[in-house]
């Protein structure tokens, strides 16, 4: 006969009112992308790009 488990689950933490911000973009939804030009592909500057972790929403993805 199998024994019964007697352990209990810890209580869940209450959900916060504010969603957590995305780590790569810092909650802005944009990240800096290096622009490269020329045959040797040298970097000349940066432009804003869409954050692929949160898809521009600025909130942390639920995993």
PDB file of N, CA and C in Angstrom:
ATOM      1  N   UNK A   1       0.841  -1.176   0.000  1.00  0.00           N
ATOM      2  CA  UNK A   1       0.000   0.000   0.000  1.00  0.00           C
ATOM      3  C   UNK A   1       0.891   1.246   0.000  1.00  0.00           C
ATOM      4  N   UNK A   2       0.532   2.229  -0.831  1.00  0.00           N
ATOM      5  CA  UNK A   2       1.325   3.447  -0.960  1.00  0.00           C
ATOM      6  C   UNK A   2       1.072   4.361   0.229  1.00  0.00           C
ATOM      7  N   UNK A   3       2.104   5.095   0.607  1.00  0.00           N
ATOM      8  CA  UNK A   3       1.965   6.033   1.712  1.00  0.00           C
ATOM      9  C   UNK A   3       1.437   7.366   1.192  1.00  0.00           C
ATOM     10  N   UNK A   4       0.753   8.108   2.032  1.00  0.00           N
ATOM     11  CA  UNK A   4       0.213   9.412   1.652  1.00  0.00           C
ATOM     12  C   UNK A   4       1.252  10.492   1.889  1.00  0.00           C
ATOM     13  N   UNK A   5       1.214  11.492   1.040  1.00  0.00           N
ATOM     14  CA  UNK A   5       2.082  12.649   1.244  1.00  0.00           C
ATOM     15  C   UNK A   5       1.475  13.523   2.323  1.00  0.00           C
ATOM     16  N   UNK A   6       2.349  14.049   3.150  1.00  0.00           N
ATOM     17  CA  UNK A   6       1.861  14.926   4.220  1.00  0.00           C
ATOM     18  C   UNK A   6       2.429  16.334   4.109  1.00  0.00           C
ATOM     19  N   UNK A   7       3.164  16.626   3.020  1.00  0.00           N
ATOM     20  CA  UNK A   7       3.729  17.962   2.870  1.00  0.00           C
ATOM     21  C   UNK A   7       2.656  18.926   2.373  1.00  0.00           C
ATOM     22  N   UNK A   8       2.812  20.174   2.707  1.00  0.00           N
ATOM     23  CA  UNK A   8       1.867  21.199   2.262  1.00  0.00           C
ATOM     24  C   UNK A   8       2.583  22.170   1.335  1.00  0.00           C
ATOM     25  N   UNK A   9       1.843  22.744   0.431  1.00  0.00           N
ATOM     26  CA  UNK A   9       2.404  23.724  -0.483  1.00  0.00           C
ATOM     27  C   UNK A   9       2.518  25.058   0.235  1.00  0.00           C
ATOM     28  N   UNK A  10       3.585  25.833  -0.050  1.00  0.00           N
ATOM     29  CA  UNK A  10       3.687  27.158   0.554  1.00  0.00           C
ATOM     30  C   UNK A  10       2.634  28.077  -0.054  1.00  0.00           C
ATOM     31  N   UNK A  11       2.132  29.050   0.682  1.00  0.00           N
ATOM     32  CA  UNK A  11       1.115  29.964   0.137  1.00  0.00           C
ATOM     33  C   UNK A  11       1.715  30.822  -0.971  1.00  0.00           C
ATOM     34  N   UNK A  12       0.911  31.103  -1.984  1.00  0.00           N
ATOM     35  CA  UNK A  12       1.361  31.933  -3.098  1.00  0.00           C
ATOM     36  C   UNK A  12       1.414  33.389  -2.666  1.00  0.00           C
ATOM     37  N   UNK A  13       2.392  34.092  -3.229  1.00  0.00           N
ATOM     38  CA  UNK A  13       2.516  35.516  -2.943  1.00  0.00           C
ATOM     39  C   UNK A  13       1.398  36.255  -3.678  1.00  0.00           C
ATOM     40  N   UNK A  14       0.844  37.304  -3.093  1.00  0.00           N
ATOM     41  CA  UNK A  14      -0.217  38.047  -3.784  1.00  0.00           C
ATOM     42  C   UNK A  14       0.341  38.746  -5.018  1.00  0.00           C
ATOM     43  N   UNK A  15      -0.457  38.832  -6.047  1.00  0.00           N
ATOM     44  CA  UNK A  15      -0.045  39.480  -7.290  1.00  0.00           C
ATOM     45  C   UNK A  15       0.087  40.985  -7.063  1.00  0.00           C
ATOM     46  N   UNK A  16       1.146  41.557  -7.623  1.00  0.00           N
ATOM     47  CA  UNK A  16       1.351  42.993  -7.465  1.00  0.00           C
ATOM     48  C   UNK A  16       0.446  43.755  -8.438  1.00  0.00           C
ATOM     49  N   UNK A  17       0.116  44.976  -8.086  1.00  0.00           N
ATOM     50  CA  UNK A  17      -0.767  45.788  -8.917  1.00  0.00           C
ATOM     51  C   UNK A  17      -0.055  46.243 -10.191  1.00  0.00           C
ATOM     52  N   UNK A  18       1.247  46.513 -10.101  1.00  0.00           N
ATOM     53  CA  UNK A  18       2.031  46.954 -11.242  1.00  0.00           C
ATOM     54  C   UNK A  18       2.740  45.762 -11.869  1.00  0.00           C
ATOM     55  N   UNK A  19       2.648  45.568 -13.194  1.00  0.00           N
ATOM     56  CA  UNK A  19       3.403  44.488 -13.826  1.00  0.00           C
ATOM     57  C   UNK A  19       4.896  44.820 -13.814  1.00  0.00           C
ATOM     58  N   UNK A  20       5.725  43.806 -13.742  1.00  0.00           N
ATOM     59  CA  UNK A  20       7.166  44.007 -13.716  1.00  0.00           C
ATOM     60  C   UNK A  20       7.643  44.511 -15.075  1.00  0.00           C
ATOM     61  N   UNK A  21       8.688  45.361 -15.048  1.00  0.00           N
ATOM     62  CA  UNK A  21       9.189  45.886 -16.308  1.00  0.00           C
ATOM     63  C   UNK A  21      10.182  44.913 -16.934  1.00  0.00           C
ATOM     64  N   UNK A  22      10.301  44.980 -18.219  1.00  0.00           N
ATOM     65  CA  UNK A  22      11.172  44.104 -19.003  1.00  0.00           C
ATOM     66  C   UNK A  22      12.633  44.445 -18.709  1.00  0.00           C
ATOM     67  N   UNK A  23      13.482  43.434 -18.542  1.00  0.00           N
ATOM     68  CA  UNK A  23      14.886  43.668 -18.218  1.00  0.00           C
ATOM     69  C   UNK A  23      15.707  44.218 -19.389  1.00  0.00           C
ATOM     70  N   UNK A  24      15.637  43.665 -20.605  1.00  0.00           N
ATOM     71  CA  UNK A  24      16.497  44.172 -21.687  1.00  0.00           C
ATOM     72  C   UNK A  24      16.240  45.634 -22.047  1.00  0.00           C
ATOM     73  N   UNK A  25      14.980  46.064 -22.049  1.00  0.00           N
ATOM     74  CA  UNK A  25      14.680  47.433 -22.483  1.00  0.00           C
ATOM     75  C   UNK A  25      14.424  48.379 -21.314  1.00  0.00           C
ATOM     76  N   UNK A  26      14.303  47.865 -20.103  1.00  0.00           N
ATOM     77  CA  UNK A  26      14.065  48.722 -18.949  1.00  0.00           C
ATOM     78  C   UNK A  26      12.663  49.295 -18.909  1.00  0.00           C
ATOM     79  N   UNK A  27      11.716  48.672 -19.600  1.00  0.00           N
ATOM     80  CA  UNK A  27      10.335  49.125 -19.582  1.00  0.00           C
ATOM     81  C   UNK A  27       9.980  50.123 -20.664  1.00  0.00           C
ATOM     82  N   UNK A  28      10.927  50.465 -21.539  1.00  0.00           N
ATOM     83  CA  UNK A  28      10.633  51.446 -22.584  1.00  0.00           C
ATOM     84  C   UNK A  28      10.071  50.806 -23.845  1.00  0.00           C
ATOM     85  N   UNK A  29      10.396  49.542 -24.093  1.00  0.00           N
ATOM     86  CA  UNK A  29       9.946  48.873 -25.307  1.00  0.00           C
ATOM     87  C   UNK A  29      10.912  49.023 -26.458  1.00  0.00           C
ATOM     88  N   UNK A  30      11.954  49.846 -26.294  1.00  0.00           N
ATOM     89  CA  UNK A  30      12.961  50.062 -27.335  1.00  0.00           C
ATOM     90  C   UNK A  30      14.329  49.664 -26.815  1.00  0.00           C
ATOM     91  N   UNK A  31      15.152  49.120 -27.705  1.00  0.00           N
ATOM     92  CA  UNK A  31      16.541  48.806 -27.384  1.00  0.00           C
ATOM     93  C   UNK A  31      17.429  49.424 -28.458  1.00  0.00           C
ATOM     94  N   UNK A  32      18.683  49.689 -28.106  1.00  0.00           N
ATOM     95  CA  UNK A  32      19.623  50.266 -29.060  1.00  0.00           C
ATOM     96  C   UNK A  32      20.184  49.164 -29.953  1.00  0.00           C
ATOM     97  N   UNK A  33      20.165  49.418 -31.269  1.00  0.00           N
ATOM     98  CA  UNK A  33      20.693  48.477 -32.257  1.00  0.00           C
ATOM     99  C   UNK A  33      21.844  49.177 -32.976  1.00  0.00           C
ATOM    100  N   UNK A  34      22.999  48.523 -33.037  1.00  0.00           N
ATOM    101  CA  UNK A  34      24.163  49.103 -33.697  1.00  0.00           C
ATOM    102  C   UNK A  34      23.974  49.085 -35.210  1.00  0.00           C
ATOM    103  N   UNK A  35      24.261  50.227 -35.850  1.00  0.00           N
ATOM    104  CA  UNK A  35      24.173  50.342 -37.300  1.00  0.00           C
ATOM    105  C   UNK A  35      25.571  50.158 -37.863  1.00  0.00           C
ATOM    106  N   UNK A  36      25.722  49.216 -38.819  1.00  0.00           N
ATOM    107  CA  UNK A  36      27.018  48.924 -39.429  1.00  0.00           C
ATOM    108  C   UNK A  36      26.960  49.257 -40.918  1.00  0.00           C
ATOM    109  N   UNK A  37      28.035  49.883 -41.429  1.00  0.00           N
ATOM    110  CA  UNK A  37      28.095  50.247 -42.847  1.00  0.00           C
ATOM    111  C   UNK A  37      29.439  49.866 -43.429  1.00  0.00           C
ATOM    112  N   UNK A  38      29.513  49.846 -44.738  1.00  0.00           N
ATOM    113  CA  UNK A  38      30.768  49.628 -45.441  1.00  0.00           C
ATOM    114  C   UNK A  38      31.098  48.170 -45.655  1.00  0.00           C
ATOM    115  N   UNK A  39      32.131  47.966 -46.462  1.00  0.00           N
ATOM    116  CA  UNK A  39      32.541  46.613 -46.791  1.00  0.00           C
ATOM    117  C   UNK A  39      33.081  45.867 -45.569  1.00  0.00           C
ATOM    118  N   UNK A  40      33.737  46.587 -44.672  1.00  0.00           N
ATOM    119  CA  UNK A  40      34.275  45.954 -43.456  1.00  0.00           C
ATOM    120  C   UNK A  40      33.279  45.965 -42.309  1.00  0.00           C
ATOM    121  N   UNK A  41      32.070  46.451 -42.562  1.00  0.00           N
ATOM    122  CA  UNK A  41      30.972  46.458 -41.582  1.00  0.00           C
ATOM    123  C   UNK A  41      31.369  47.157 -40.286  1.00  0.00           C
ATOM    124  N   UNK A  42      31.859  48.377 -40.398  1.00  0.00           N
ATOM    125  CA  UNK A  42      32.252  49.121 -39.201  1.00  0.00           C
ATOM    126  C   UNK A  42      31.024  49.767 -38.569  1.00  0.00           C
ATOM    127  N   UNK A  43      30.969  49.821 -37.241  1.00  0.00           N
ATOM    128  CA  UNK A  43      29.821  50.456 -36.569  1.00  0.00           C
ATOM    129  C   UNK A  43      29.917  51.980 -36.673  1.00  0.00           C
ATOM    130  N   UNK A  44      28.810  52.635 -37.026  1.00  0.00           N
ATOM    131  CA  UNK A  44      28.796  54.090 -37.158  1.00  0.00           C
ATOM    132  C   UNK A  44      27.850  54.758 -36.172  1.00  0.00           C
ATOM    133  N   UNK A  45      26.985  54.009 -35.535  1.00  0.00           N
ATOM    134  CA  UNK A  45      26.051  54.612 -34.601  1.00  0.00           C
ATOM    135  C   UNK A  45      25.038  53.608 -34.116  1.00  0.00           C
ATOM    136  N   UNK A  46      23.987  54.120 -33.495  1.00  0.00           N
ATOM    137  CA  UNK A  46      22.928  53.261 -32.980  1.00  0.00           C
ATOM    138  C   UNK A  46      21.573  53.854 -33.335  1.00  0.00           C
ATOM    139  N   UNK A  47      20.591  52.987 -33.492  1.00  0.00           N
ATOM    140  CA  UNK A  47      19.216  53.423 -33.697  1.00  0.00           C
ATOM    141  C   UNK A  47      18.304  52.603 -32.800  1.00  0.00           C
ATOM    142  N   UNK A  48      17.121  53.109 -32.553  1.00  0.00           N
ATOM    143  CA  UNK A  48      16.165  52.393 -31.710  1.00  0.00           C
ATOM    144  C   UNK A  48      15.551  51.239 -32.480  1.00  0.00           C
ATOM    145  N   UNK A  49      15.381  50.129 -31.766  1.00  0.00           N
ATOM    146  CA  UNK A  49      14.731  48.963 -32.344  1.00  0.00           C
ATOM    147  C   UNK A  49      13.726  48.412 -31.355  1.00  0.00           C
ATOM    148  N   UNK A  50      12.800  47.621 -31.833  1.00  0.00           N
ATOM    149  CA  UNK A  50      11.765  47.021 -31.005  1.00  0.00           C
ATOM    150  C   UNK A  50      12.373  45.942 -30.114  1.00  0.00           C
ATOM    151  N   UNK A  51      12.019  45.944 -28.848  1.00  0.00           N
ATOM    152  CA  UNK A  51      12.498  44.928 -27.914  1.00  0.00           C
ATOM    153  C   UNK A  51      11.817  43.601 -28.240  1.00  0.00           C
ATOM    154  N   UNK A  52      12.617  42.570 -28.517  1.00  0.00           N
ATOM    155  CA  UNK A  52      12.059  41.276 -28.890  1.00  0.00           C
ATOM    156  C   UNK A  52      11.633  40.456 -27.683  1.00  0.00           C
ATOM    157  N   UNK A  53      12.057  40.842 -26.484  1.00  0.00           N
ATOM    158  CA  UNK A  53      11.659  40.103 -25.286  1.00  0.00           C
ATOM    159  C   UNK A  53      10.207  40.405 -24.911  1.00  0.00           C
ATOM    160  N   UNK A  54       9.812  41.681 -25.009  1.00  0.00           N
ATOM    161  CA  UNK A  54       8.446  42.060 -24.608  1.00  0.00           C
ATOM    162  C   UNK A  54       7.610  42.537 -25.791  1.00  0.00           C
ATOM    163  N   UNK A  55       8.192  42.563 -26.982  1.00  0.00           N
ATOM    164  CA  UNK A  55       7.532  43.022 -28.208  1.00  0.00           C
ATOM    165  C   UNK A  55       6.997  44.454 -28.101  1.00  0.00           C
ATOM    166  N   UNK A  56       7.762  45.304 -27.412  1.00  0.00           N
ATOM    167  CA  UNK A  56       7.428  46.718 -27.340  1.00  0.00           C
ATOM    168  C   UNK A  56       6.448  47.114 -26.260  1.00  0.00           C
ATOM    169  N   UNK A  57       5.945  46.162 -25.470  1.00  0.00           N
ATOM    170  CA  UNK A  57       4.965  46.526 -24.443  1.00  0.00           C
ATOM    171  C   UNK A  57       5.633  47.105 -23.202  1.00  0.00           C
ATOM    172  N   UNK A  58       6.887  46.741 -22.931  1.00  0.00           N
ATOM    173  CA  UNK A  58       7.605  47.262 -21.775  1.00  0.00           C
ATOM    174  C   UNK A  58       7.379  46.457 -20.509  1.00  0.00           C
ATOM    175  N   UNK A  59       6.482  45.501 -20.526  1.00  0.00           N
ATOM    176  CA  UNK A  59       6.248  44.667 -19.340  1.00  0.00           C
ATOM    177  C   UNK A  59       6.945  43.330 -19.512  1.00  0.00           C
ATOM    178  N   UNK A  60       7.333  42.733 -18.395  1.00  0.00           N
ATOM    179  CA  UNK A  60       8.034  41.457 -18.432  1.00  0.00           C
ATOM    180  C   UNK A  60       7.125  40.362 -18.958  1.00  0.00           C
ATOM    181  N   UNK A  61       7.648  39.508 -19.836  1.00  0.00           N
ATOM    182  CA  UNK A  61       6.830  38.395 -20.342  1.00  0.00           C
ATOM    183  C   UNK A  61       6.583  37.371 -19.250  1.00  0.00           C
ATOM    184  N   UNK A  62       5.393  36.814 -19.245  1.00  0.00           N
ATOM    185  CA  UNK A  62       5.031  35.786 -18.276  1.00  0.00           C
ATOM    186  C   UNK A  62       5.567  34.446 -18.755  1.00  0.00           C
ATOM    187  N   UNK A  63       6.449  33.854 -17.976  1.00  0.00           N
ATOM    188  CA  UNK A  63       7.012  32.559 -18.386  1.00  0.00           C
ATOM    189  C   UNK A  63       6.528  31.462 -17.499  1.00  0.00           C
TER     190      UNK A  63
END
